[in-house]
C-alpha cells in the first residue's frame, strides 16, 4: 500500500476531528490591492483627516508617511507619546489589505525610521489588526481608527467594539488628552 492512500485512511480524518487542518487562505495579487487603494484614494483620505487633526491640535501631533508600490506598507500614521510610538498602518499582504495597529517601545534613529519594514520583527507589539476592503471604508471608519491611535489603543475606542459613532465632544476630549 502506498503512503498517500494510507494517510487518507487514518491521518486526514484524525486531523479534521482534532481541528488541526489548516484553513486554506485566499491569496490576492499585491498589484490588485495597490490598484484598489489608488482607485478609492484611501491613503489620501487618511492623510487628509490626520492633517485636520494636526490643525485642530495646533501642532504636528500625527506623522503620516506614504509608500509606493511594490512596498508591503501603503501608509503609516504615527503618534509619539511617553517614549512610545503608536503606529497605524495600511498593509498589503498575500491575503489582502489590512489596517494594523502596533506599539514600538523604543525609538529608531536615522534613516530606518523612514523605511518601513515589518515592525513586528523590530520589537514592536501588534495590538490589533483587521482585514479591510477599501471600497467599503467610510470617513467614520477612518475617524475611529485615528481616535483609537490617539487614545494609545484604549479598549474603549477599539474600532470593532464601538457601536455608536464618536461625537465631536468625544474627539475633542481625546485631542486634549493627546496634547497633554
N, C-alpha and C. Protein backbone atom coordinates (compact mmCIF):
# COMPACT_ATOMS: atom_id res chain seq x y z
N UNK A 1 0.85 -1.17 0.00
CA UNK A 1 0.00 0.00 0.00
C UNK A 1 0.90 1.23 0.00
N UNK A 2 0.63 2.17 -0.90
CA UNK A 2 1.46 3.38 -0.98
C UNK A 2 1.17 4.30 0.20
N UNK A 3 2.04 5.23 0.41
CA UNK A 3 1.93 6.14 1.56
C UNK A 3 0.68 7.05 1.46
N UNK A 4 0.36 7.58 0.29
CA UNK A 4 -0.76 8.52 0.13
C UNK A 4 -2.10 7.92 0.53
N UNK A 5 -2.50 6.75 0.03
CA UNK A 5 -3.79 6.19 0.45
C UNK A 5 -3.84 5.88 1.94
N UNK A 6 -2.69 5.43 2.52
CA UNK A 6 -2.65 5.14 3.95
C UNK A 6 -2.94 6.39 4.77
N UNK A 7 -2.38 7.54 4.36
CA UNK A 7 -2.62 8.81 5.05
C UNK A 7 -4.09 9.17 5.04
N UNK A 8 -4.72 8.94 3.93
CA UNK A 8 -6.13 9.31 3.80
C UNK A 8 -7.02 8.44 4.68
N UNK A 9 -6.59 7.23 4.96
CA UNK A 9 -7.40 6.32 5.76
C UNK A 9 -7.49 6.75 7.21
N UNK A 10 -6.42 7.20 7.81
CA UNK A 10 -6.49 7.49 9.24
C UNK A 10 -5.98 8.88 9.62
N UNK A 11 -4.98 9.43 8.95
CA UNK A 11 -4.42 10.71 9.36
C UNK A 11 -5.35 11.87 9.04
N UNK A 12 -5.84 11.96 7.82
CA UNK A 12 -6.70 13.08 7.45
C UNK A 12 -7.96 13.17 8.30
N UNK A 13 -8.69 12.06 8.55
CA UNK A 13 -9.85 12.16 9.45
C UNK A 13 -9.47 12.57 10.88
N UNK A 14 -8.32 12.07 11.35
CA UNK A 14 -7.86 12.42 12.69
C UNK A 14 -7.58 13.92 12.78
N UNK A 15 -6.86 14.46 11.81
CA UNK A 15 -6.55 15.89 11.80
C UNK A 15 -7.82 16.73 11.73
N UNK A 16 -8.77 16.29 10.95
CA UNK A 16 -10.04 17.01 10.86
C UNK A 16 -10.80 16.97 12.17
N UNK A 17 -10.85 15.80 12.79
CA UNK A 17 -11.56 15.64 14.05
C UNK A 17 -10.94 16.50 15.15
N UNK A 18 -9.64 16.61 15.18
CA UNK A 18 -8.94 17.41 16.19
C UNK A 18 -8.82 18.88 15.80
N UNK A 19 -9.41 19.21 14.67
CA UNK A 19 -9.40 20.58 14.15
C UNK A 19 -7.98 21.12 13.99
N UNK A 20 -7.14 20.27 13.40
CA UNK A 20 -5.74 20.64 13.16
C UNK A 20 -5.45 20.89 11.68
N UNK A 21 -6.48 20.83 10.87
CA UNK A 21 -6.30 21.09 9.44
C UNK A 21 -6.25 22.59 9.23
N UNK A 22 -5.23 23.06 8.60
CA UNK A 22 -5.07 24.49 8.35
C UNK A 22 -6.02 24.92 7.24
N UNK A 23 -6.71 26.02 7.51
CA UNK A 23 -7.62 26.56 6.50
C UNK A 23 -6.81 27.14 5.36
N UNK A 24 -7.28 26.90 4.16
CA UNK A 24 -6.60 27.49 3.02
C UNK A 24 -7.06 28.94 2.89
N UNK A 25 -6.09 29.83 2.74
CA UNK A 25 -6.40 31.25 2.65
C UNK A 25 -6.41 31.69 1.19
N UNK A 26 -7.22 32.69 0.94
CA UNK A 26 -7.24 33.26 -0.40
C UNK A 26 -6.02 34.15 -0.56
N UNK A 27 -5.38 34.05 -1.69
CA UNK A 27 -4.23 34.90 -1.95
C UNK A 27 -4.58 35.92 -3.01
N UNK A 28 -4.20 37.17 -2.74
CA UNK A 28 -4.50 38.27 -3.63
C UNK A 28 -3.22 38.81 -4.21
N UNK A 29 -3.24 39.15 -5.46
CA UNK A 29 -2.09 39.76 -6.10
C UNK A 29 -1.88 41.15 -5.51
N UNK A 30 -0.67 41.46 -5.00
CA UNK A 30 -0.42 42.78 -4.41
C UNK A 30 -0.70 43.94 -5.36
N UNK A 31 -0.52 43.72 -6.65
CA UNK A 31 -0.81 44.79 -7.62
C UNK A 31 -2.29 45.15 -7.64
N UNK A 32 -3.13 44.15 -7.47
CA UNK A 32 -4.58 44.40 -7.41
C UNK A 32 -4.91 45.22 -6.17
N UNK A 33 -4.27 44.88 -5.04
CA UNK A 33 -4.51 45.63 -3.80
C UNK A 33 -4.07 47.08 -3.95
N UNK A 34 -2.91 47.30 -4.57
CA UNK A 34 -2.44 48.67 -4.78
C UNK A 34 -3.42 49.44 -5.68
N UNK A 35 -3.94 48.79 -6.70
CA UNK A 35 -4.90 49.45 -7.59
C UNK A 35 -6.18 49.81 -6.84
N UNK A 36 -6.62 48.93 -5.94
CA UNK A 36 -7.81 49.22 -5.13
C UNK A 36 -7.58 50.45 -4.26
N UNK A 37 -6.41 50.51 -3.63
CA UNK A 37 -6.09 51.65 -2.77
C UNK A 37 -6.03 52.95 -3.58
N UNK A 38 -5.42 52.88 -4.75
CA UNK A 38 -5.31 54.07 -5.59
C UNK A 38 -6.67 54.51 -6.11
N UNK A 39 -7.52 53.55 -6.48
CA UNK A 39 -8.84 53.88 -7.01
C UNK A 39 -9.74 54.52 -5.96
N UNK A 40 -9.65 54.03 -4.72
CA UNK A 40 -10.51 54.57 -3.66
C UNK A 40 -9.91 55.82 -3.01
N UNK A 41 -8.60 56.01 -3.15
CA UNK A 41 -7.96 57.17 -2.53
C UNK A 41 -7.89 57.06 -1.01
N UNK A 42 -7.92 55.84 -0.48
CA UNK A 42 -7.92 55.64 0.96
C UNK A 42 -6.71 56.27 1.65
N UNK A 43 -5.49 56.07 1.17
CA UNK A 43 -4.35 56.71 1.85
C UNK A 43 -4.46 58.24 1.90
N UNK A 44 -4.94 58.85 0.83
CA UNK A 44 -5.10 60.30 0.79
C UNK A 44 -6.18 60.76 1.77
N UNK A 45 -7.26 59.99 1.88
CA UNK A 45 -8.33 60.32 2.83
C UNK A 45 -7.81 60.28 4.26
N UNK A 46 -7.04 59.25 4.58
CA UNK A 46 -6.48 59.12 5.92
C UNK A 46 -5.53 60.28 6.19
N UNK A 47 -4.68 60.61 5.20
CA UNK A 47 -3.75 61.72 5.35
C UNK A 47 -4.46 63.05 5.55
N UNK A 48 -5.58 63.25 4.85
CA UNK A 48 -6.34 64.49 4.99
C UNK A 48 -6.93 64.62 6.39
N UNK A 49 -7.48 63.53 6.91
CA UNK A 49 -8.07 63.57 8.24
C UNK A 49 -6.98 63.73 9.31
N UNK A 50 -5.83 63.09 9.11
CA UNK A 50 -4.71 63.27 10.05
C UNK A 50 -4.25 64.72 10.03
N UNK A 51 -4.25 65.33 8.87
CA UNK A 51 -3.88 66.75 8.75
C UNK A 51 -4.89 67.64 9.47
N UNK A 52 -6.17 67.32 9.37
CA UNK A 52 -7.20 68.08 10.08
C UNK A 52 -7.00 67.96 11.59
N UNK A 53 -6.61 66.78 12.05
CA UNK A 53 -6.36 66.58 13.48
C UNK A 53 -5.17 67.43 13.92
N UNK A 54 -4.11 67.44 13.11
CA UNK A 54 -2.94 68.27 13.42
C UNK A 54 -3.31 69.74 13.48
N UNK A 55 -4.14 70.17 12.55
CA UNK A 55 -4.58 71.57 12.52
C UNK A 55 -5.40 71.91 13.76
N UNK A 56 -6.29 71.00 14.16
CA UNK A 56 -7.12 71.24 15.35
C UNK A 56 -6.27 71.24 16.62
N UNK A 57 -5.24 70.40 16.66
CA UNK A 57 -4.37 70.35 17.84
C UNK A 57 -3.44 71.55 17.90
N UNK A 58 -3.17 72.15 16.77
CA UNK A 58 -2.30 73.32 16.73
C UNK A 58 -0.83 72.99 16.58
N UNK A 59 -0.52 71.74 16.39
CA UNK A 59 0.88 71.34 16.15
C UNK A 59 0.90 69.97 15.47
N UNK A 60 2.09 69.52 15.13
CA UNK A 60 2.28 68.27 14.40
C UNK A 60 2.15 67.07 15.34
N UNK A 61 0.93 66.65 15.59
CA UNK A 61 0.62 65.56 16.51
C UNK A 61 0.80 64.20 15.84
N UNK A 62 0.35 64.08 14.61
CA UNK A 62 0.44 62.82 13.85
C UNK A 62 1.41 62.97 12.69
N UNK A 63 2.22 61.95 12.47
CA UNK A 63 3.15 61.90 11.34
C UNK A 63 2.57 60.93 10.32
N UNK A 64 2.46 61.36 9.09
CA UNK A 64 1.89 60.50 8.04
C UNK A 64 2.96 60.23 6.98
N UNK A 65 3.15 58.94 6.66
CA UNK A 65 4.11 58.54 5.63
C UNK A 65 3.36 57.74 4.57
N UNK A 66 3.60 58.09 3.32
CA UNK A 66 3.01 57.37 2.19
C UNK A 66 4.10 56.53 1.54
N UNK A 67 3.74 55.33 1.10
CA UNK A 67 4.68 54.44 0.43
C UNK A 67 4.16 54.14 -0.96
N UNK A 68 5.07 53.79 -1.85
CA UNK A 68 4.72 53.50 -3.23
C UNK A 68 4.87 52.00 -3.50
N UNK A 69 4.16 51.51 -4.53
CA UNK A 69 4.31 50.09 -4.89
C UNK A 69 5.77 49.83 -5.27
N UNK A 70 6.28 48.70 -5.02
CA UNK A 70 5.69 47.45 -4.53
C UNK A 70 5.84 47.25 -3.03
N UNK A 71 5.94 48.29 -2.25
CA UNK A 71 6.07 48.16 -0.79
C UNK A 71 4.90 47.37 -0.22
N UNK A 72 5.14 46.71 0.90
CA UNK A 72 4.07 45.98 1.58
C UNK A 72 3.25 46.91 2.47
N UNK A 73 3.76 48.09 2.75
CA UNK A 73 3.02 49.09 3.51
C UNK A 73 2.60 50.19 2.56
N UNK A 74 1.35 50.59 2.63
CA UNK A 74 0.85 51.66 1.77
C UNK A 74 0.86 52.99 2.50
N UNK A 75 0.65 52.95 3.82
CA UNK A 75 0.54 54.17 4.61
C UNK A 75 0.89 53.87 6.06
N UNK A 76 1.49 54.84 6.72
CA UNK A 76 1.79 54.72 8.14
C UNK A 76 1.47 56.05 8.80
N UNK A 77 0.70 56.01 9.87
CA UNK A 77 0.41 57.20 10.67
C UNK A 77 0.95 56.91 12.06
N UNK A 78 1.80 57.82 12.56
CA UNK A 78 2.48 57.59 13.84
C UNK A 78 2.14 58.67 14.85
N UNK A 79 2.05 58.24 16.09
CA UNK A 79 1.78 59.14 17.21
C UNK A 79 2.77 58.81 18.31
N UNK A 80 3.64 59.75 18.64
CA UNK A 80 4.66 59.56 19.68
C UNK A 80 4.18 60.14 21.00
N UNK A 81 4.36 59.32 22.07
CA UNK A 81 3.96 59.80 23.38
C UNK A 81 4.62 58.96 24.46
N UNK A 82 5.19 59.64 25.45
CA UNK A 82 5.80 58.97 26.60
C UNK A 82 6.77 57.85 26.20
N UNK A 83 7.71 58.17 25.35
CA UNK A 83 8.75 57.24 24.90
C UNK A 83 8.18 56.01 24.18
N UNK A 84 6.97 56.11 23.68
CA UNK A 84 6.36 55.05 22.88
C UNK A 84 5.92 55.62 21.55
N UNK A 85 5.97 54.80 20.55
CA UNK A 85 5.49 55.19 19.23
C UNK A 85 4.31 54.29 18.91
N UNK A 86 3.15 54.90 18.70
CA UNK A 86 1.93 54.17 18.36
C UNK A 86 1.74 54.32 16.85
N UNK A 87 1.50 53.21 16.17
CA UNK A 87 1.51 53.21 14.71
C UNK A 87 0.24 52.58 14.16
N UNK A 88 -0.35 53.25 13.18
CA UNK A 88 -1.46 52.70 12.41
C UNK A 88 -0.95 52.55 10.99
N UNK A 89 -1.09 51.37 10.41
CA UNK A 89 -0.59 51.13 9.06
C UNK A 89 -1.67 50.50 8.20
N UNK A 90 -1.63 50.85 6.94
CA UNK A 90 -2.41 50.12 5.93
C UNK A 90 -1.38 49.24 5.24
N UNK A 91 -1.55 47.91 5.39
CA UNK A 91 -0.57 46.96 4.88
C UNK A 91 -1.19 46.07 3.81
N UNK A 92 -0.34 45.66 2.89
CA UNK A 92 -0.76 44.77 1.81
C UNK A 92 -0.05 43.44 2.00
N UNK A 93 -0.82 42.39 2.14
CA UNK A 93 -0.27 41.05 2.31
C UNK A 93 -0.86 40.16 1.24
N UNK A 94 -0.41 38.90 1.20
CA UNK A 94 -0.93 37.95 0.22
C UNK A 94 -2.42 37.71 0.42
N UNK A 95 -2.90 37.91 1.63
CA UNK A 95 -4.31 37.65 1.92
C UNK A 95 -5.20 38.88 1.73
N UNK A 96 -4.61 40.02 1.36
CA UNK A 96 -5.40 41.22 1.12
C UNK A 96 -4.86 42.43 1.85
N UNK A 97 -5.72 43.41 2.05
CA UNK A 97 -5.36 44.69 2.66
C UNK A 97 -5.85 44.68 4.11
N UNK A 98 -5.01 45.15 5.02
CA UNK A 98 -5.38 45.21 6.43
C UNK A 98 -5.01 46.55 7.03
N UNK A 99 -5.73 46.92 8.08
CA UNK A 99 -5.32 48.04 8.92
C UNK A 99 -4.72 47.40 10.16
N UNK A 100 -3.53 47.87 10.53
CA UNK A 100 -2.77 47.26 11.62
C UNK A 100 -2.36 48.34 12.62
N UNK A 101 -2.52 48.03 13.89
CA UNK A 101 -2.15 48.95 14.96
C UNK A 101 -1.07 48.27 15.80
N UNK A 102 0.03 48.99 16.03
CA UNK A 102 1.12 48.43 16.83
C UNK A 102 1.78 49.52 17.65
N UNK A 103 2.52 49.09 18.66
CA UNK A 103 3.25 49.99 19.53
C UNK A 103 4.71 49.61 19.52
N UNK A 104 5.56 50.61 19.41
CA UNK A 104 7.00 50.41 19.43
C UNK A 104 7.52 51.14 20.66
N UNK A 105 8.14 50.41 21.57
CA UNK A 105 8.58 50.99 22.84
C UNK A 105 9.87 51.78 22.71
N UNK A 106 10.70 51.45 21.79
CA UNK A 106 11.93 52.21 21.63
C UNK A 106 11.87 52.96 20.31
N UNK A 107 12.51 54.09 20.26
CA UNK A 107 12.51 54.89 19.05
C UNK A 107 13.66 54.46 18.15
N UNK A 108 13.43 54.48 16.86
CA UNK A 108 14.50 54.23 15.92
C UNK A 108 15.07 55.56 15.46
N UNK A 109 16.33 55.55 15.19
CA UNK A 109 17.01 56.76 14.79
C UNK A 109 17.55 56.60 13.38
N UNK A 110 17.85 57.72 12.77
CA UNK A 110 18.44 57.70 11.44
C UNK A 110 17.43 57.38 10.36
N UNK A 111 17.95 56.84 9.28
CA UNK A 111 17.10 56.58 8.11
C UNK A 111 16.10 55.45 8.32
N UNK A 112 16.35 54.54 9.26
CA UNK A 112 15.44 53.42 9.43
C UNK A 112 14.04 53.84 9.82
N UNK A 113 13.87 55.02 10.38
CA UNK A 113 12.52 55.45 10.76
C UNK A 113 11.67 55.78 9.53
N UNK A 114 12.32 56.04 8.38
CA UNK A 114 11.58 56.37 7.16
C UNK A 114 11.33 55.16 6.27
N UNK A 115 12.05 54.09 6.49
CA UNK A 115 11.89 52.91 5.67
C UNK A 115 11.16 51.86 6.49
N UNK A 116 9.91 51.67 6.14
CA UNK A 116 9.05 50.80 6.93
C UNK A 116 9.26 49.36 6.54
N UNK A 117 9.74 48.56 7.47
CA UNK A 117 9.84 47.12 7.28
C UNK A 117 8.72 46.47 8.04
N UNK A 118 8.90 45.23 8.37
CA UNK A 118 7.90 44.57 9.21
C UNK A 118 8.17 44.95 10.65
N UNK A 119 7.37 45.81 11.22
CA UNK A 119 7.58 46.36 12.56
C UNK A 119 7.60 45.25 13.62
N UNK A 120 6.87 44.18 13.38
CA UNK A 120 6.79 43.15 14.41
C UNK A 120 8.13 42.48 14.64
N UNK A 121 9.01 42.49 13.65
CA UNK A 121 10.32 41.89 13.84
C UNK A 121 11.28 42.86 14.51
N UNK A 122 10.91 44.11 14.68
CA UNK A 122 11.77 45.13 15.28
C UNK A 122 11.39 45.44 16.72
N UNK A 123 10.82 44.52 17.44
CA UNK A 123 10.46 44.76 18.83
C UNK A 123 9.13 45.46 19.01
N UNK A 124 8.30 45.44 18.02
CA UNK A 124 7.00 46.09 18.08
C UNK A 124 5.96 45.09 18.56
N UNK A 125 4.92 45.61 19.19
CA UNK A 125 3.83 44.77 19.67
C UNK A 125 2.59 45.04 18.83
N UNK A 126 2.07 44.01 18.20
CA UNK A 126 0.83 44.14 17.44
C UNK A 126 -0.33 44.21 18.42
N UNK A 127 -1.11 45.29 18.33
CA UNK A 127 -2.23 45.49 19.24
C UNK A 127 -3.52 44.96 18.63
N UNK A 128 -3.74 45.25 17.35
CA UNK A 128 -4.98 44.84 16.70
C UNK A 128 -4.79 44.93 15.19
N UNK A 129 -5.39 44.02 14.47
CA UNK A 129 -5.31 44.03 13.00
C UNK A 129 -6.64 43.55 12.44
N UNK A 130 -7.06 44.16 11.33
CA UNK A 130 -8.30 43.77 10.70
C UNK A 130 -8.17 43.90 9.19
N UNK A 131 -8.65 42.89 8.48
CA UNK A 131 -8.69 42.97 7.02
C UNK A 131 -9.76 43.96 6.62
N UNK A 132 -9.47 44.73 5.58
CA UNK A 132 -10.43 45.73 5.11
C UNK A 132 -10.62 45.62 3.61
N UNK A 133 -11.71 46.20 3.16
CA UNK A 133 -11.98 46.37 1.74
C UNK A 133 -12.06 47.88 1.51
N UNK A 134 -11.08 48.46 0.84
CA UNK A 134 -11.00 49.92 0.71
C UNK A 134 -12.28 50.58 0.19
N UNK A 135 -13.00 49.90 -0.68
CA UNK A 135 -14.22 50.49 -1.24
C UNK A 135 -15.33 50.60 -0.21
N UNK A 136 -15.24 49.90 0.90
CA UNK A 136 -16.28 49.94 1.94
C UNK A 136 -15.93 50.88 3.09
N UNK A 137 -14.75 51.49 3.06
CA UNK A 137 -14.31 52.34 4.17
C UNK A 137 -14.92 53.73 4.05
N UNK A 138 -15.58 54.16 5.13
CA UNK A 138 -16.18 55.48 5.19
C UNK A 138 -15.32 56.40 6.05
N UNK A 139 -15.61 57.69 6.00
CA UNK A 139 -14.87 58.65 6.81
C UNK A 139 -15.00 58.34 8.30
N UNK A 140 -16.14 57.81 8.72
CA UNK A 140 -16.34 57.45 10.12
C UNK A 140 -15.38 56.35 10.56
N UNK A 141 -15.08 55.42 9.65
CA UNK A 141 -14.12 54.36 9.96
C UNK A 141 -12.74 54.96 10.20
N UNK A 142 -12.34 55.86 9.33
CA UNK A 142 -11.02 56.49 9.44
C UNK A 142 -10.94 57.31 10.72
N UNK A 143 -12.00 58.04 11.04
CA UNK A 143 -12.03 58.81 12.28
C UNK A 143 -11.89 57.87 13.48
N UNK A 144 -12.56 56.73 13.44
CA UNK A 144 -12.46 55.75 14.51
C UNK A 144 -11.04 55.19 14.65
N UNK A 145 -10.39 54.91 13.51
CA UNK A 145 -9.02 54.41 13.54
C UNK A 145 -8.07 55.42 14.17
N UNK A 146 -8.20 56.68 13.72
CA UNK A 146 -7.30 57.71 14.24
C UNK A 146 -7.60 58.04 15.71
N UNK A 147 -8.85 57.93 16.11
CA UNK A 147 -9.21 58.11 17.51
C UNK A 147 -8.57 57.00 18.34
N UNK A 148 -8.63 55.79 17.86
CA UNK A 148 -8.02 54.65 18.54
C UNK A 148 -6.51 54.86 18.67
N UNK A 149 -5.89 55.37 17.62
CA UNK A 149 -4.45 55.66 17.65
C UNK A 149 -4.14 56.72 18.70
N UNK A 150 -4.90 57.83 18.71
CA UNK A 150 -4.66 58.91 19.67
C UNK A 150 -4.96 58.50 21.11
N UNK A 151 -5.85 57.54 21.29
CA UNK A 151 -6.18 57.08 22.64
C UNK A 151 -5.12 56.13 23.18
N UNK A 152 -4.06 55.93 22.41
CA UNK A 152 -2.99 54.99 22.75
C UNK A 152 -3.55 53.58 22.90
N UNK A 153 -4.48 53.26 22.01
CA UNK A 153 -5.09 51.95 21.88
C UNK A 153 -5.91 51.54 23.10
N UNK A 154 -6.65 52.51 23.63
CA UNK A 154 -7.56 52.24 24.73
C UNK A 154 -8.68 51.32 24.23
N UNK A 155 -8.99 50.29 24.98
CA UNK A 155 -10.01 49.32 24.56
C UNK A 155 -11.37 49.95 24.34
N UNK A 156 -11.67 51.03 25.06
CA UNK A 156 -12.98 51.65 24.90
C UNK A 156 -13.13 52.33 23.53
N UNK A 157 -12.03 52.53 22.80
CA UNK A 157 -12.09 53.17 21.49
C UNK A 157 -11.74 52.21 20.35
N UNK A 158 -11.59 50.93 20.65
CA UNK A 158 -11.24 49.99 19.59
C UNK A 158 -12.34 49.98 18.54
N UNK A 159 -11.99 50.20 17.28
CA UNK A 159 -13.00 50.39 16.22
C UNK A 159 -14.02 49.27 16.08
N UNK A 160 -13.63 48.04 16.31
CA UNK A 160 -14.61 46.96 16.14
C UNK A 160 -15.54 46.80 17.34
N UNK A 161 -15.25 47.52 18.43
CA UNK A 161 -16.09 47.43 19.63
C UNK A 161 -17.02 48.63 19.80
N UNK A 162 -16.78 49.70 19.05
CA UNK A 162 -17.61 50.89 19.15
C UNK A 162 -18.89 50.68 18.37
N UNK A 163 -20.03 50.83 19.04
CA UNK A 163 -21.31 50.61 18.36
C UNK A 163 -21.91 51.91 17.83
N UNK A 164 -21.59 53.04 18.48
CA UNK A 164 -22.13 54.32 18.01
C UNK A 164 -20.98 55.21 17.57
N UNK A 165 -21.19 56.03 16.56
CA UNK A 165 -20.13 56.92 16.10
C UNK A 165 -19.73 57.91 17.19
N UNK A 166 -18.47 58.31 17.19
CA UNK A 166 -17.98 59.28 18.15
C UNK A 166 -18.53 60.65 17.86
N UNK A 167 -18.83 61.38 18.91
CA UNK A 167 -19.31 62.75 18.74
C UNK A 167 -18.11 63.68 18.69
N UNK A 168 -18.37 64.91 18.30
CA UNK A 168 -17.31 65.92 18.26
C UNK A 168 -16.74 66.15 19.65
N UNK A 169 -17.57 66.06 20.68
CA UNK A 169 -17.11 66.23 22.07
C UNK A 169 -16.15 65.10 22.46
N UNK A 170 -16.45 63.84 22.03
CA UNK A 170 -15.56 62.71 22.32
C UNK A 170 -14.20 62.94 21.68
N UNK A 171 -14.22 63.38 20.44
CA UNK A 171 -12.97 63.62 19.70
C UNK A 171 -12.18 64.76 20.36
N UNK A 172 -12.86 65.80 20.81
CA UNK A 172 -12.19 66.91 21.49
C UNK A 172 -11.50 66.47 22.78
N UNK A 173 -12.17 65.59 23.53
CA UNK A 173 -11.58 65.08 24.78
C UNK A 173 -10.33 64.29 24.48
N UNK A 174 -10.36 63.45 23.46
CA UNK A 174 -9.20 62.65 23.09
C UNK A 174 -8.06 63.54 22.63
N UNK A 175 -8.37 64.58 21.84
CA UNK A 175 -7.33 65.51 21.39
C UNK A 175 -6.68 66.23 22.57
N UNK A 176 -7.49 66.63 23.54
CA UNK A 176 -6.93 67.31 24.72
C UNK A 176 -6.01 66.38 25.51
N UNK A 177 -6.42 65.12 25.67
CA UNK A 177 -5.58 64.16 26.39
C UNK A 177 -4.29 63.91 25.62
N UNK A 178 -4.37 63.79 24.29
CA UNK A 178 -3.18 63.54 23.48
C UNK A 178 -2.22 64.71 23.49
N UNK A 179 -2.76 65.90 23.62
CA UNK A 179 -1.92 67.12 23.62
C UNK A 179 -1.24 67.33 24.96
N UNK A 180 -1.77 66.73 26.01
CA UNK A 180 -1.23 66.96 27.37
C UNK A 180 0.14 66.33 27.57
